[in-house]
Amino acid sequence: MKTLKFTYWKDGNYYLGFLNDYPDYETQGESKEELVSNLKDLLIDIESGEVPYIRKVVA
């Protein structure tokens, strides 16, 4: 199982966030659980090559 850090915040009725390795790609959810699910889906899209021109932060 892969572990990645993410940043999130609540804005009105939505939770917004991004994967810390990929801060250019934000997503949202109506709950924190939905946000986490959307972040997992985003990671799948990024790693599959479906999202072009990926910029990654490297420590």
N, C-alpha and C. Protein backbone atom coordinates (compact mmCIF):
# COMPACT_ATOMS: atom_id res chain seq x y z
N MET A 1 0.84 -1.18 0.00
CA MET A 1 0.00 0.00 0.00
C MET A 1 0.88 1.25 0.00
N LYS A 2 0.57 2.17 -0.86
CA LYS A 2 1.33 3.40 -1.00
C LYS A 2 0.79 4.45 -0.03
N THR A 3 1.69 5.18 0.61
CA THR A 3 1.28 6.25 1.52
C THR A 3 1.78 7.58 0.99
N LEU A 4 0.86 8.51 0.80
CA LEU A 4 1.21 9.86 0.36
C LEU A 4 0.58 10.87 1.30
N LYS A 5 1.26 11.96 1.48
CA LYS A 5 0.72 13.05 2.30
C LYS A 5 -0.14 13.95 1.42
N PHE A 6 -1.16 14.53 2.05
CA PHE A 6 -2.00 15.48 1.33
C PHE A 6 -2.34 16.65 2.23
N THR A 7 -2.71 17.74 1.61
CA THR A 7 -3.10 18.97 2.30
C THR A 7 -4.57 19.21 1.99
N TYR A 8 -5.34 19.57 3.02
CA TYR A 8 -6.75 19.85 2.77
C TYR A 8 -7.24 20.97 3.66
N TRP A 9 -8.36 21.57 3.27
CA TRP A 9 -9.01 22.62 4.04
C TRP A 9 -10.49 22.61 3.71
N LYS A 10 -11.28 23.20 4.59
CA LYS A 10 -12.71 23.29 4.36
C LYS A 10 -13.04 24.70 3.88
N ASP A 11 -13.81 24.78 2.81
CA ASP A 11 -14.23 26.06 2.24
C ASP A 11 -15.75 25.98 2.04
N GLY A 12 -16.48 26.60 2.94
CA GLY A 12 -17.94 26.50 2.86
C GLY A 12 -18.37 25.08 3.17
N ASN A 13 -19.10 24.47 2.23
CA ASN A 13 -19.60 23.11 2.43
C ASN A 13 -18.68 22.04 1.85
N TYR A 14 -17.54 22.42 1.30
CA TYR A 14 -16.66 21.47 0.62
C TYR A 14 -15.30 21.38 1.28
N TYR A 15 -14.71 20.19 1.16
CA TYR A 15 -13.32 19.97 1.53
C TYR A 15 -12.52 19.99 0.24
N LEU A 16 -11.48 20.80 0.21
CA LEU A 16 -10.61 20.90 -0.95
C LEU A 16 -9.23 20.41 -0.55
N GLY A 17 -8.48 19.88 -1.50
CA GLY A 17 -7.16 19.40 -1.16
C GLY A 17 -6.35 18.98 -2.37
N PHE A 18 -5.10 18.64 -2.09
CA PHE A 18 -4.19 18.17 -3.13
C PHE A 18 -3.17 17.23 -2.52
N LEU A 19 -2.59 16.39 -3.36
CA LEU A 19 -1.49 15.52 -2.95
C LEU A 19 -0.25 16.39 -2.83
N ASN A 20 0.49 16.28 -1.74
CA ASN A 20 1.65 17.15 -1.53
C ASN A 20 2.70 16.99 -2.62
N ASP A 21 2.80 15.81 -3.22
CA ASP A 21 3.75 15.60 -4.32
C ASP A 21 3.29 16.27 -5.61
N TYR A 22 1.99 16.56 -5.71
CA TYR A 22 1.40 17.13 -6.92
C TYR A 22 0.49 18.31 -6.57
N PRO A 23 1.04 19.40 -6.07
CA PRO A 23 0.20 20.50 -5.58
C PRO A 23 -0.57 21.25 -6.66
N ASP A 24 -0.24 21.05 -7.92
CA ASP A 24 -0.96 21.74 -9.00
C ASP A 24 -2.33 21.14 -9.28
N TYR A 25 -2.61 19.97 -8.71
CA TYR A 25 -3.82 19.23 -9.06
C TYR A 25 -4.72 19.11 -7.82
N GLU A 26 -5.69 20.01 -7.71
CA GLU A 26 -6.61 20.02 -6.58
C GLU A 26 -7.88 19.25 -6.92
N THR A 27 -8.54 18.77 -5.88
CA THR A 27 -9.85 18.14 -6.03
C THR A 27 -10.67 18.50 -4.81
N GLN A 28 -11.93 18.06 -4.79
CA GLN A 28 -12.82 18.44 -3.68
C GLN A 28 -13.77 17.30 -3.36
N GLY A 29 -14.44 17.43 -2.21
CA GLY A 29 -15.46 16.48 -1.81
C GLY A 29 -16.39 17.13 -0.80
N GLU A 30 -17.59 16.57 -0.67
CA GLU A 30 -18.54 17.10 0.30
C GLU A 30 -18.22 16.65 1.72
N SER A 31 -17.33 15.65 1.86
CA SER A 31 -16.85 15.19 3.16
C SER A 31 -15.35 14.90 3.02
N LYS A 32 -14.68 14.76 4.15
CA LYS A 32 -13.26 14.44 4.10
C LYS A 32 -13.05 13.07 3.45
N GLU A 33 -13.95 12.13 3.74
CA GLU A 33 -13.85 10.79 3.16
C GLU A 33 -13.98 10.84 1.64
N GLU A 34 -14.92 11.65 1.14
CA GLU A 34 -15.08 11.79 -0.31
C GLU A 34 -13.84 12.45 -0.92
N LEU A 35 -13.28 13.44 -0.23
CA LEU A 35 -12.06 14.08 -0.72
C LEU A 35 -10.93 13.06 -0.83
N VAL A 36 -10.74 12.24 0.19
CA VAL A 36 -9.68 11.23 0.16
C VAL A 36 -9.90 10.26 -1.01
N SER A 37 -11.14 9.86 -1.23
CA SER A 37 -11.45 8.98 -2.36
C SER A 37 -11.11 9.66 -3.68
N ASN A 38 -11.46 10.94 -3.80
CA ASN A 38 -11.15 11.68 -5.03
C ASN A 38 -9.64 11.85 -5.22
N LEU A 39 -8.91 12.03 -4.12
CA LEU A 39 -7.45 12.13 -4.22
C LEU A 39 -6.84 10.80 -4.69
N LYS A 40 -7.40 9.69 -4.22
CA LYS A 40 -6.92 8.38 -4.68
C LYS A 40 -7.17 8.21 -6.17
N ASP A 41 -8.36 8.61 -6.62
CA ASP A 41 -8.68 8.54 -8.05
C ASP A 41 -7.74 9.43 -8.86
N LEU A 42 -7.45 10.61 -8.34
CA LEU A 42 -6.54 11.53 -9.01
C LEU A 42 -5.15 10.91 -9.14
N LEU A 43 -4.68 10.26 -8.09
CA LEU A 43 -3.37 9.62 -8.13
C LEU A 43 -3.34 8.53 -9.19
N ILE A 44 -4.41 7.76 -9.29
CA ILE A 44 -4.49 6.72 -10.33
C ILE A 44 -4.38 7.35 -11.71
N ASP A 45 -5.11 8.45 -11.92
CA ASP A 45 -5.06 9.14 -13.22
C ASP A 45 -3.66 9.68 -13.51
N ILE A 46 -3.01 10.26 -12.50
CA ILE A 46 -1.67 10.81 -12.68
C ILE A 46 -0.68 9.70 -13.03
N GLU A 47 -0.71 8.60 -12.27
CA GLU A 47 0.25 7.53 -12.47
C GLU A 47 0.01 6.74 -13.75
N SER A 48 -1.22 6.77 -14.26
CA SER A 48 -1.53 6.04 -15.50
C SER A 48 -1.11 6.81 -16.74
N GLY A 49 -0.77 8.10 -16.57
CA GLY A 49 -0.41 8.91 -17.71
C GLY A 49 -1.60 9.62 -18.34
N GLU A 50 -2.78 9.46 -17.74
CA GLU A 50 -3.98 10.09 -18.28
C GLU A 50 -3.92 11.62 -18.19
N VAL A 51 -3.21 12.14 -17.18
CA VAL A 51 -3.06 13.57 -17.00
C VAL A 51 -1.72 13.97 -17.63
N PRO A 52 -1.73 14.82 -18.65
CA PRO A 52 -0.48 15.18 -19.33
C PRO A 52 0.33 16.24 -18.57
N TYR A 53 1.61 16.29 -18.87
CA TYR A 53 2.52 17.35 -18.38
C TYR A 53 2.51 17.47 -16.86
N ILE A 54 2.71 16.36 -16.18
CA ILE A 54 2.71 16.33 -14.72
C ILE A 54 3.94 17.02 -14.18
N ARG A 55 3.72 17.88 -13.20
CA ARG A 55 4.83 18.50 -12.46
C ARG A 55 4.78 17.94 -11.05
N LYS A 56 5.91 17.40 -10.59
CA LYS A 56 5.98 16.76 -9.27
C LYS A 56 6.98 17.49 -8.39
N VAL A 57 6.63 17.64 -7.12
CA VAL A 57 7.54 18.22 -6.13
C VAL A 57 8.39 17.09 -5.58
N VAL A 58 9.70 17.27 -5.56
CA VAL A 58 10.63 16.28 -5.04
C VAL A 58 11.40 16.90 -3.88
N ALA A 59 11.45 16.17 -2.79
CA ALA A 59 12.16 16.67 -1.60
C ALA A 59 13.62 16.34 -1.66
